Amino acid sequence: MLRITLCLASVAALACGLRAEEKPPAPKAPPLSPGTAKVEGDNLLCELTTIRYVPEQRTETVVQGGMAITVKRTVYVPVSETQRRLIPIKGLQAYAIGDKGTDPTKRLQPLDSTKLAKMLKTNTRVFFFRGADKVSAEQVKDLKDGNVILVLPREKPASRPLPPEKK
């Protein structure tokens, strides 16, 4: 019975085309990144923490057929980076998270620049959205009311990351 199970499992693995030497697909970074934002004149000084996955080669010793074999594998290691950016408030898309009692598809309420400035003066939690698509209700379902989501504009020469602050 055990032989039949092992035989069927190996045939299924061969039929699906799974191989040990194939690289796993790179995981996607989360769409929302936490951070802080302060109003400085007509701009926002933003500090955000992003996560990216870096491929890393690791060697493992595996026992195959009664013999110890050294195998190289690619694993993706999460690396967090803190970026500082100066973003103009004019034309920036900002949203506030509304009450959960309302329609879940309408929890995102657009903010204009004056409301955004008022909300950022209090200690409001800020999330940054980076992506080509719009912010969806699925992505914000776990966020609390009153949080702010800022949609980052695409990288332009004017909005380069600022150097880290010297302490």
N, C-alpha and C. Protein backbone atom coordinates (compact mmCIF):
# COMPACT_ATOMS: atom_id res chain seq x y z
N MET A 1 0.82 -1.18 0.00
CA MET A 1 0.00 0.00 0.00
C MET A 1 0.87 1.26 0.00
N LEU A 2 1.92 1.24 0.78
CA LEU A 2 2.83 2.39 0.85
C LEU A 2 3.55 2.58 -0.48
N ARG A 3 3.94 1.47 -1.11
CA ARG A 3 4.62 1.55 -2.40
C ARG A 3 3.72 2.17 -3.47
N ILE A 4 2.46 1.79 -3.46
CA ILE A 4 1.53 2.33 -4.45
C ILE A 4 1.35 3.83 -4.24
N THR A 5 1.24 4.26 -2.99
CA THR A 5 1.08 5.68 -2.69
C THR A 5 2.29 6.47 -3.14
N LEU A 6 3.49 5.97 -2.84
CA LEU A 6 4.72 6.65 -3.24
C LEU A 6 4.86 6.68 -4.76
N CYS A 7 4.48 5.61 -5.41
CA CYS A 7 4.56 5.55 -6.87
C CYS A 7 3.61 6.56 -7.50
N LEU A 8 2.39 6.64 -7.00
CA LEU A 8 1.42 7.60 -7.53
C LEU A 8 1.86 9.04 -7.28
N ALA A 9 2.45 9.30 -6.13
CA ALA A 9 2.93 10.65 -5.82
C ALA A 9 4.06 11.04 -6.75
N SER A 10 4.97 10.13 -7.03
CA SER A 10 6.09 10.46 -7.93
C SER A 10 5.61 10.65 -9.36
N VAL A 11 4.65 9.85 -9.81
CA VAL A 11 4.09 10.01 -11.15
C VAL A 11 3.37 11.34 -11.27
N ALA A 12 2.64 11.72 -10.23
CA ALA A 12 1.93 13.00 -10.25
C ALA A 12 2.91 14.16 -10.31
N ALA A 13 4.02 14.06 -9.58
CA ALA A 13 5.02 15.12 -9.60
C ALA A 13 5.67 15.23 -10.98
N LEU A 14 5.95 14.12 -11.61
CA LEU A 14 6.53 14.13 -12.96
C LEU A 14 5.54 14.66 -13.99
N ALA A 15 4.28 14.29 -13.84
CA ALA A 15 3.26 14.73 -14.78
C ALA A 15 3.02 16.24 -14.69
N CYS A 16 3.13 16.80 -13.50
CA CYS A 16 2.92 18.24 -13.32
C CYS A 16 4.13 19.04 -13.74
N GLY A 17 5.24 18.40 -13.96
CA GLY A 17 6.43 19.11 -14.41
C GLY A 17 7.19 19.80 -13.28
N LEU A 18 7.03 19.34 -12.06
CA LEU A 18 7.75 19.94 -10.95
C LEU A 18 9.18 19.42 -10.94
N ARG A 19 10.10 20.34 -10.81
CA ARG A 19 11.51 19.97 -10.74
C ARG A 19 12.15 20.70 -9.59
N ALA A 20 13.11 20.07 -8.96
CA ALA A 20 13.76 20.66 -7.80
C ALA A 20 14.64 21.84 -8.20
N GLU A 21 15.18 21.84 -9.42
CA GLU A 21 16.11 22.90 -9.80
C GLU A 21 15.42 24.15 -10.33
N GLU A 22 14.10 24.13 -10.50
CA GLU A 22 13.40 25.31 -10.99
C GLU A 22 13.34 26.37 -9.89
N LYS A 23 13.46 27.63 -10.31
CA LYS A 23 13.39 28.73 -9.36
C LYS A 23 11.93 29.00 -9.01
N PRO A 24 11.66 29.26 -7.74
CA PRO A 24 10.29 29.62 -7.38
C PRO A 24 10.00 31.05 -7.86
N PRO A 25 8.74 31.35 -8.14
CA PRO A 25 8.43 32.72 -8.57
C PRO A 25 8.67 33.70 -7.43
N ALA A 26 9.06 34.90 -7.79
CA ALA A 26 9.32 35.93 -6.78
C ALA A 26 8.00 36.37 -6.15
N PRO A 27 7.94 36.47 -4.83
CA PRO A 27 6.71 36.93 -4.20
C PRO A 27 6.48 38.41 -4.47
N LYS A 28 5.22 38.81 -4.45
CA LYS A 28 4.90 40.21 -4.71
C LYS A 28 4.97 40.99 -3.40
N ALA A 29 5.41 42.22 -3.50
CA ALA A 29 5.45 43.10 -2.34
C ALA A 29 4.03 43.54 -2.00
N PRO A 30 3.76 43.84 -0.74
CA PRO A 30 2.41 44.30 -0.39
C PRO A 30 2.10 45.64 -1.07
N PRO A 31 0.84 45.86 -1.46
CA PRO A 31 0.51 47.09 -2.17
C PRO A 31 0.56 48.33 -1.30
N LEU A 32 0.32 48.19 0.00
CA LEU A 32 0.33 49.34 0.91
C LEU A 32 1.56 49.29 1.80
N SER A 33 2.26 50.43 1.89
CA SER A 33 3.45 50.54 2.73
C SER A 33 3.18 51.55 3.83
N PRO A 34 3.49 51.21 5.10
CA PRO A 34 3.27 52.17 6.17
C PRO A 34 4.31 53.28 6.14
N GLY A 35 3.98 54.41 6.72
CA GLY A 35 4.94 55.51 6.76
C GLY A 35 4.38 56.72 7.49
N THR A 36 5.08 57.83 7.34
CA THR A 36 4.66 59.09 7.95
C THR A 36 4.70 60.18 6.88
N ALA A 37 3.93 61.23 7.12
CA ALA A 37 3.92 62.37 6.19
C ALA A 37 3.72 63.65 6.99
N LYS A 38 4.50 64.67 6.64
CA LYS A 38 4.40 65.99 7.28
C LYS A 38 4.23 67.03 6.17
N VAL A 39 3.41 68.02 6.46
CA VAL A 39 3.20 69.11 5.50
C VAL A 39 4.32 70.12 5.68
N GLU A 40 5.00 70.43 4.58
CA GLU A 40 6.05 71.44 4.57
C GLU A 40 5.79 72.37 3.38
N GLY A 41 5.06 73.45 3.65
CA GLY A 41 4.72 74.38 2.58
C GLY A 41 3.72 73.76 1.63
N ASP A 42 4.06 73.71 0.35
CA ASP A 42 3.19 73.10 -0.66
C ASP A 42 3.56 71.65 -0.94
N ASN A 43 4.40 71.07 -0.09
CA ASN A 43 4.87 69.70 -0.30
C ASN A 43 4.62 68.83 0.93
N LEU A 44 4.71 67.56 0.72
CA LEU A 44 4.67 66.59 1.82
C LEU A 44 6.04 65.94 1.94
N LEU A 45 6.57 65.91 3.15
CA LEU A 45 7.80 65.18 3.41
C LEU A 45 7.36 63.80 3.89
N CYS A 46 7.58 62.80 3.05
CA CYS A 46 7.09 61.45 3.32
C CYS A 46 8.26 60.54 3.66
N GLU A 47 8.03 59.70 4.64
CA GLU A 47 9.00 58.67 5.00
C GLU A 47 8.24 57.35 4.98
N LEU A 48 8.59 56.47 4.06
CA LEU A 48 7.87 55.23 3.92
C LEU A 48 8.81 54.04 3.96
N THR A 49 8.28 52.95 4.46
CA THR A 49 9.04 51.71 4.54
C THR A 49 8.50 50.76 3.49
N THR A 50 9.36 50.37 2.56
CA THR A 50 8.94 49.44 1.50
C THR A 50 9.63 48.11 1.70
N ILE A 51 8.98 47.09 1.23
CA ILE A 51 9.55 45.74 1.30
C ILE A 51 9.76 45.25 -0.12
N ARG A 52 10.96 44.76 -0.37
CA ARG A 52 11.23 44.14 -1.67
C ARG A 52 11.90 42.80 -1.39
N TYR A 53 11.77 41.90 -2.33
CA TYR A 53 12.31 40.55 -2.16
C TYR A 53 13.56 40.39 -3.02
N VAL A 54 14.64 39.97 -2.37
CA VAL A 54 15.93 39.83 -3.03
C VAL A 54 16.25 38.34 -3.16
N PRO A 55 16.60 37.88 -4.37
CA PRO A 55 16.96 36.46 -4.51
C PRO A 55 18.31 36.19 -3.85
N GLU A 56 18.38 35.05 -3.18
CA GLU A 56 19.60 34.67 -2.49
C GLU A 56 19.85 33.18 -2.74
N GLN A 57 21.08 32.83 -3.06
CA GLN A 57 21.45 31.44 -3.30
C GLN A 57 21.84 30.80 -1.97
N ARG A 58 21.23 29.65 -1.68
CA ARG A 58 21.57 28.90 -0.46
C ARG A 58 21.91 27.48 -0.86
N THR A 59 22.86 26.91 -0.15
CA THR A 59 23.22 25.50 -0.39
C THR A 59 22.69 24.66 0.74
N GLU A 60 22.11 23.54 0.38
CA GLU A 60 21.54 22.61 1.36
C GLU A 60 22.05 21.22 1.05
N THR A 61 22.20 20.44 2.08
CA THR A 61 22.57 19.03 1.91
C THR A 61 21.30 18.21 2.03
N VAL A 62 21.01 17.45 0.96
CA VAL A 62 19.80 16.66 0.89
C VAL A 62 20.19 15.20 0.70
N VAL A 63 19.48 14.30 1.35
CA VAL A 63 19.73 12.87 1.18
C VAL A 63 18.82 12.37 0.07
N GLN A 64 19.43 11.88 -1.03
CA GLN A 64 18.69 11.35 -2.17
C GLN A 64 19.26 9.98 -2.52
N GLY A 65 18.40 9.00 -2.47
CA GLY A 65 18.85 7.64 -2.81
C GLY A 65 19.90 7.13 -1.84
N GLY A 66 19.85 7.55 -0.60
CA GLY A 66 20.82 7.10 0.40
C GLY A 66 22.14 7.84 0.35
N MET A 67 22.27 8.84 -0.53
CA MET A 67 23.52 9.60 -0.63
C MET A 67 23.26 11.07 -0.29
N ALA A 68 24.23 11.69 0.37
CA ALA A 68 24.12 13.12 0.69
C ALA A 68 24.57 13.94 -0.51
N ILE A 69 23.69 14.81 -0.99
CA ILE A 69 23.96 15.64 -2.16
C ILE A 69 23.80 17.11 -1.75
N THR A 70 24.73 17.93 -2.21
CA THR A 70 24.64 19.37 -1.96
C THR A 70 23.88 20.01 -3.12
N VAL A 71 22.82 20.75 -2.78
CA VAL A 71 21.94 21.36 -3.77
C VAL A 71 21.91 22.87 -3.54
N LYS A 72 22.00 23.64 -4.64
CA LYS A 72 21.85 25.10 -4.55
C LYS A 72 20.39 25.45 -4.83
N ARG A 73 19.82 26.30 -3.97
CA ARG A 73 18.44 26.72 -4.15
C ARG A 73 18.36 28.24 -4.08
N THR A 74 17.41 28.77 -4.82
CA THR A 74 17.17 30.21 -4.78
C THR A 74 15.98 30.47 -3.86
N VAL A 75 16.21 31.31 -2.86
CA VAL A 75 15.13 31.72 -1.96
C VAL A 75 15.03 33.25 -2.03
N TYR A 76 13.84 33.76 -1.78
CA TYR A 76 13.63 35.20 -1.80
C TYR A 76 13.51 35.71 -0.36
N VAL A 77 14.40 36.61 -0.01
CA VAL A 77 14.49 37.14 1.33
C VAL A 77 13.88 38.55 1.35
N PRO A 78 12.94 38.82 2.29
CA PRO A 78 12.38 40.17 2.34
C PRO A 78 13.38 41.16 2.94
N VAL A 79 13.50 42.31 2.29
CA VAL A 79 14.39 43.38 2.75
C VAL A 79 13.55 44.65 2.85
N SER A 80 13.57 45.29 4.01
CA SER A 80 12.81 46.53 4.16
C SER A 80 13.74 47.72 4.00
N GLU A 81 13.24 48.73 3.31
CA GLU A 81 14.01 49.95 3.06
C GLU A 81 13.16 51.14 3.46
N THR A 82 13.80 52.13 4.06
CA THR A 82 13.11 53.36 4.41
C THR A 82 13.53 54.44 3.42
N GLN A 83 12.53 55.06 2.81
CA GLN A 83 12.78 56.10 1.82
C GLN A 83 12.18 57.40 2.31
N ARG A 84 12.85 58.50 2.01
CA ARG A 84 12.32 59.83 2.28
C ARG A 84 12.10 60.51 0.94
N ARG A 85 10.88 61.04 0.75
CA ARG A 85 10.56 61.70 -0.51
C ARG A 85 9.82 62.99 -0.24
N LEU A 86 10.03 63.94 -1.10
CA LEU A 86 9.32 65.21 -1.07
C LEU A 86 8.34 65.20 -2.24
N ILE A 87 7.03 65.23 -1.92
CA ILE A 87 6.00 65.10 -2.94
C ILE A 87 5.11 66.34 -2.91
N PRO A 88 4.85 66.96 -4.06
CA PRO A 88 3.95 68.12 -4.08
C PRO A 88 2.51 67.71 -3.73
N ILE A 89 1.86 68.51 -2.90
CA ILE A 89 0.48 68.21 -2.50
C ILE A 89 -0.49 68.39 -3.67
N LYS A 90 -0.19 69.35 -4.51
CA LYS A 90 -1.07 69.62 -5.64
C LYS A 90 -1.10 68.41 -6.58
N GLY A 91 -2.29 67.91 -6.84
CA GLY A 91 -2.45 66.78 -7.74
C GLY A 91 -2.24 65.42 -7.09
N LEU A 92 -1.97 65.38 -5.79
CA LEU A 92 -1.75 64.11 -5.09
C LEU A 92 -3.10 63.47 -4.78
N GLN A 93 -3.24 62.19 -5.06
CA GLN A 93 -4.47 61.48 -4.73
C GLN A 93 -4.36 60.98 -3.30
N ALA A 94 -5.36 61.33 -2.49
CA ALA A 94 -5.39 60.92 -1.09
C ALA A 94 -6.78 60.42 -0.75
N TYR A 95 -6.84 59.41 0.11
CA TYR A 95 -8.10 58.82 0.53
C TYR A 95 -8.08 58.64 2.04
N ALA A 96 -9.27 58.75 2.65
CA ALA A 96 -9.44 58.43 4.06
C ALA A 96 -10.30 57.18 4.14
N ILE A 97 -10.02 56.37 5.15
CA ILE A 97 -10.81 55.15 5.35
C ILE A 97 -12.05 55.54 6.14
N GLY A 98 -13.23 55.18 5.62
CA GLY A 98 -14.49 55.52 6.26
C GLY A 98 -14.93 54.44 7.23
N ASP A 99 -16.12 54.61 7.75
CA ASP A 99 -16.71 53.72 8.74
C ASP A 99 -16.98 52.35 8.12
N LYS A 100 -16.75 51.29 8.91
CA LYS A 100 -16.99 49.93 8.41
C LYS A 100 -18.48 49.63 8.26
N GLY A 101 -19.33 50.41 8.91
CA GLY A 101 -20.77 50.18 8.81
C GLY A 101 -21.33 50.57 7.46
N THR A 102 -20.61 51.42 6.74
CA THR A 102 -21.09 51.83 5.43
C THR A 102 -20.84 50.72 4.42
N ASP A 103 -21.22 50.96 3.21
CA ASP A 103 -21.00 50.01 2.12
C ASP A 103 -19.50 49.73 2.00
N PRO A 104 -19.06 48.45 2.07
CA PRO A 104 -17.63 48.16 2.04
C PRO A 104 -16.93 48.58 0.75
N THR A 105 -17.69 48.75 -0.32
CA THR A 105 -17.06 49.18 -1.57
C THR A 105 -16.84 50.69 -1.58
N LYS A 106 -17.44 51.40 -0.62
CA LYS A 106 -17.32 52.86 -0.58
C LYS A 106 -16.61 53.33 0.69
N ARG A 107 -15.73 52.51 1.25
CA ARG A 107 -14.99 52.90 2.45
C ARG A 107 -13.93 53.95 2.14
N LEU A 108 -13.48 54.03 0.90
CA LEU A 108 -12.46 55.02 0.52
C LEU A 108 -13.14 56.34 0.19
N GLN A 109 -12.80 57.37 0.96
CA GLN A 109 -13.35 58.68 0.72
C GLN A 109 -12.24 59.59 0.23
N PRO A 110 -12.39 60.21 -0.95
CA PRO A 110 -11.33 61.08 -1.47
C PRO A 110 -11.12 62.29 -0.57
N LEU A 111 -9.87 62.72 -0.45
CA LEU A 111 -9.51 63.89 0.35
C LEU A 111 -8.94 64.96 -0.56
N ASP A 112 -9.33 66.21 -0.32
CA ASP A 112 -8.68 67.31 -1.03
C ASP A 112 -7.48 67.76 -0.20
N SER A 113 -6.70 68.69 -0.73
CA SER A 113 -5.44 69.06 -0.09
C SER A 113 -5.64 69.73 1.28
N THR A 114 -6.73 70.48 1.48
CA THR A 114 -6.94 71.13 2.78
C THR A 114 -7.32 70.12 3.85
N LYS A 115 -8.21 69.18 3.52
CA LYS A 115 -8.58 68.13 4.47
C LYS A 115 -7.39 67.25 4.79
N LEU A 116 -6.58 66.97 3.78
CA LEU A 116 -5.39 66.14 3.98
C LEU A 116 -4.43 66.83 4.95
N ALA A 117 -4.20 68.11 4.77
CA ALA A 117 -3.31 68.85 5.66
C ALA A 117 -3.82 68.83 7.10
N LYS A 118 -5.13 68.97 7.29
CA LYS A 118 -5.72 68.94 8.64
C LYS A 118 -5.55 67.56 9.27
N MET A 119 -5.78 66.52 8.48
CA MET A 119 -5.67 65.16 9.03
C MET A 119 -4.22 64.81 9.38
N LEU A 120 -3.27 65.32 8.61
CA LEU A 120 -1.87 65.00 8.87
C LEU A 120 -1.31 65.77 10.07
N LYS A 121 -1.98 66.85 10.49
CA LYS A 121 -1.52 67.56 11.68
C LYS A 121 -1.77 66.76 12.94
N THR A 122 -2.81 65.93 12.93
CA THR A 122 -3.03 64.99 14.04
C THR A 122 -2.18 63.75 13.76
N ASN A 123 -2.07 62.89 14.71
CA ASN A 123 -1.27 61.68 14.52
C ASN A 123 -2.09 60.63 13.79
N THR A 124 -2.29 60.83 12.52
CA THR A 124 -3.05 59.91 11.68
C THR A 124 -2.09 58.91 11.06
N ARG A 125 -2.50 57.65 11.03
CA ARG A 125 -1.68 56.62 10.42
C ARG A 125 -1.75 56.76 8.90
N VAL A 126 -0.58 56.72 8.24
CA VAL A 126 -0.51 56.95 6.80
C VAL A 126 0.02 55.69 6.11
N PHE A 127 -0.63 55.33 5.01
CA PHE A 127 -0.18 54.23 4.17
C PHE A 127 0.05 54.78 2.76
N PHE A 128 1.04 54.24 2.09
CA PHE A 128 1.36 54.68 0.74
C PHE A 128 1.04 53.55 -0.22
N PHE A 129 0.37 53.91 -1.32
CA PHE A 129 0.01 52.94 -2.35
C PHE A 129 0.87 53.21 -3.57
N ARG A 130 1.52 52.15 -4.02
CA ARG A 130 2.36 52.25 -5.21
C ARG A 130 1.86 51.19 -6.18
N GLY A 131 1.42 51.60 -7.33
CA GLY A 131 0.93 50.64 -8.29
C GLY A 131 0.23 51.33 -9.44
N ALA A 132 -0.03 50.57 -10.47
CA ALA A 132 -0.68 51.12 -11.66
C ALA A 132 -2.20 51.15 -11.49
N ASP A 133 -2.72 50.21 -10.70
CA ASP A 133 -4.17 50.13 -10.52
C ASP A 133 -4.62 51.10 -9.43
N LYS A 134 -5.95 51.20 -9.29
CA LYS A 134 -6.51 52.02 -8.21
C LYS A 134 -6.52 51.19 -6.93
N VAL A 135 -6.65 51.88 -5.81
CA VAL A 135 -6.76 51.21 -4.52
C VAL A 135 -8.11 50.51 -4.48
N SER A 136 -8.11 49.24 -4.15
CA SER A 136 -9.36 48.48 -4.13
C SER A 136 -9.86 48.30 -2.70
N ALA A 137 -11.14 47.98 -2.57
CA ALA A 137 -11.74 47.75 -1.26
C ALA A 137 -11.11 46.54 -0.58
N GLU A 138 -10.68 45.57 -1.36
CA GLU A 138 -10.05 44.36 -0.81
C GLU A 138 -8.74 44.69 -0.11
N GLN A 139 -7.99 45.66 -0.63
CA GLN A 139 -6.70 46.02 -0.06
C GLN A 139 -6.82 46.80 1.24
N VAL A 140 -7.95 47.45 1.47
CA VAL A 140 -8.11 48.29 2.66
C VAL A 140 -9.09 47.70 3.67
N LYS A 141 -9.52 46.47 3.47
CA LYS A 141 -10.55 45.91 4.34
C LYS A 141 -10.10 45.78 5.79
N ASP A 142 -8.80 45.61 6.05
CA ASP A 142 -8.32 45.42 7.42
C ASP A 142 -7.85 46.71 8.08
N LEU A 143 -7.90 47.84 7.37
CA LEU A 143 -7.45 49.11 7.94
C LEU A 143 -8.54 49.74 8.80
N LYS A 144 -8.12 50.50 9.79
CA LYS A 144 -9.06 51.15 10.70
C LYS A 144 -9.57 52.46 10.11
N ASP A 145 -10.71 52.94 10.65
CA ASP A 145 -11.26 54.21 10.20
C ASP A 145 -10.28 55.33 10.52
N GLY A 146 -10.25 56.33 9.65
CA GLY A 146 -9.40 57.49 9.88
C GLY A 146 -8.00 57.37 9.32
N ASN A 147 -7.59 56.18 8.90
CA ASN A 147 -6.28 56.05 8.26
C ASN A 147 -6.30 56.76 6.92
N VAL A 148 -5.12 57.23 6.51
CA VAL A 148 -5.00 57.95 5.24
C VAL A 148 -4.18 57.11 4.27
N ILE A 149 -4.62 57.06 3.02
CA ILE A 149 -3.86 56.38 1.97
C ILE A 149 -3.46 57.43 0.95
N LEU A 150 -2.16 57.51 0.69
CA LEU A 150 -1.62 58.43 -0.32
C LEU A 150 -1.16 57.60 -1.51
N VAL A 151 -1.63 57.95 -2.69
CA VAL A 151 -1.22 57.26 -3.91
C VAL A 151 0.03 57.97 -4.42
N LEU A 152 1.14 57.24 -4.42
CA LEU A 152 2.40 57.83 -4.84
C LEU A 152 2.41 58.04 -6.34
N PRO A 153 2.84 59.22 -6.77
CA PRO A 153 2.98 59.43 -8.22
C PRO A 153 4.14 58.60 -8.75
N ARG A 154 4.11 58.35 -10.02
CA ARG A 154 5.21 57.60 -10.63
C ARG A 154 6.50 58.39 -10.47
N GLU A 155 7.59 57.65 -10.38
CA GLU A 155 8.91 58.28 -10.17
C GLU A 155 9.22 59.24 -11.31
N LYS A 156 9.53 60.47 -10.93
CA LYS A 156 9.97 61.48 -11.88
C LYS A 156 11.28 62.04 -11.34
N PRO A 157 12.07 62.71 -12.16
CA PRO A 157 13.30 63.29 -11.65
C PRO A 157 13.08 64.25 -10.49
N ALA A 158 11.91 64.91 -10.42
CA ALA A 158 11.65 65.88 -9.37
C ALA A 158 11.36 65.22 -8.02
N SER A 159 10.89 63.96 -8.02
CA SER A 159 10.53 63.32 -6.76
C SER A 159 11.48 62.18 -6.42
N ARG A 160 12.75 62.43 -6.50
CA ARG A 160 13.74 61.42 -6.13
C ARG A 160 13.74 61.23 -4.62
N PRO A 161 14.15 60.07 -4.16
CA PRO A 161 14.25 59.86 -2.71
C PRO A 161 15.29 60.82 -2.12
N LEU A 162 14.97 61.35 -0.96
CA LEU A 162 15.90 62.25 -0.26
C LEU A 162 16.93 61.42 0.49
N PRO A 163 18.11 61.98 0.72
CA PRO A 163 19.11 61.22 1.49
C PRO A 163 18.64 61.06 2.93
N PRO A 164 19.09 60.01 3.62
CA PRO A 164 18.67 59.80 5.01
C PRO A 164 19.10 60.96 5.90
N GLU A 165 18.27 61.21 6.90
CA GLU A 165 18.54 62.30 7.82
C GLU A 165 19.72 61.95 8.73
N LYS A 166 20.61 62.89 8.95
CA LYS A 166 21.75 62.67 9.84
C LYS A 166 21.30 62.94 11.27
N LYS A 167 21.67 62.04 12.17
CA LYS A 167 21.26 62.20 13.57
C LYS A 167 22.43 62.61 14.41
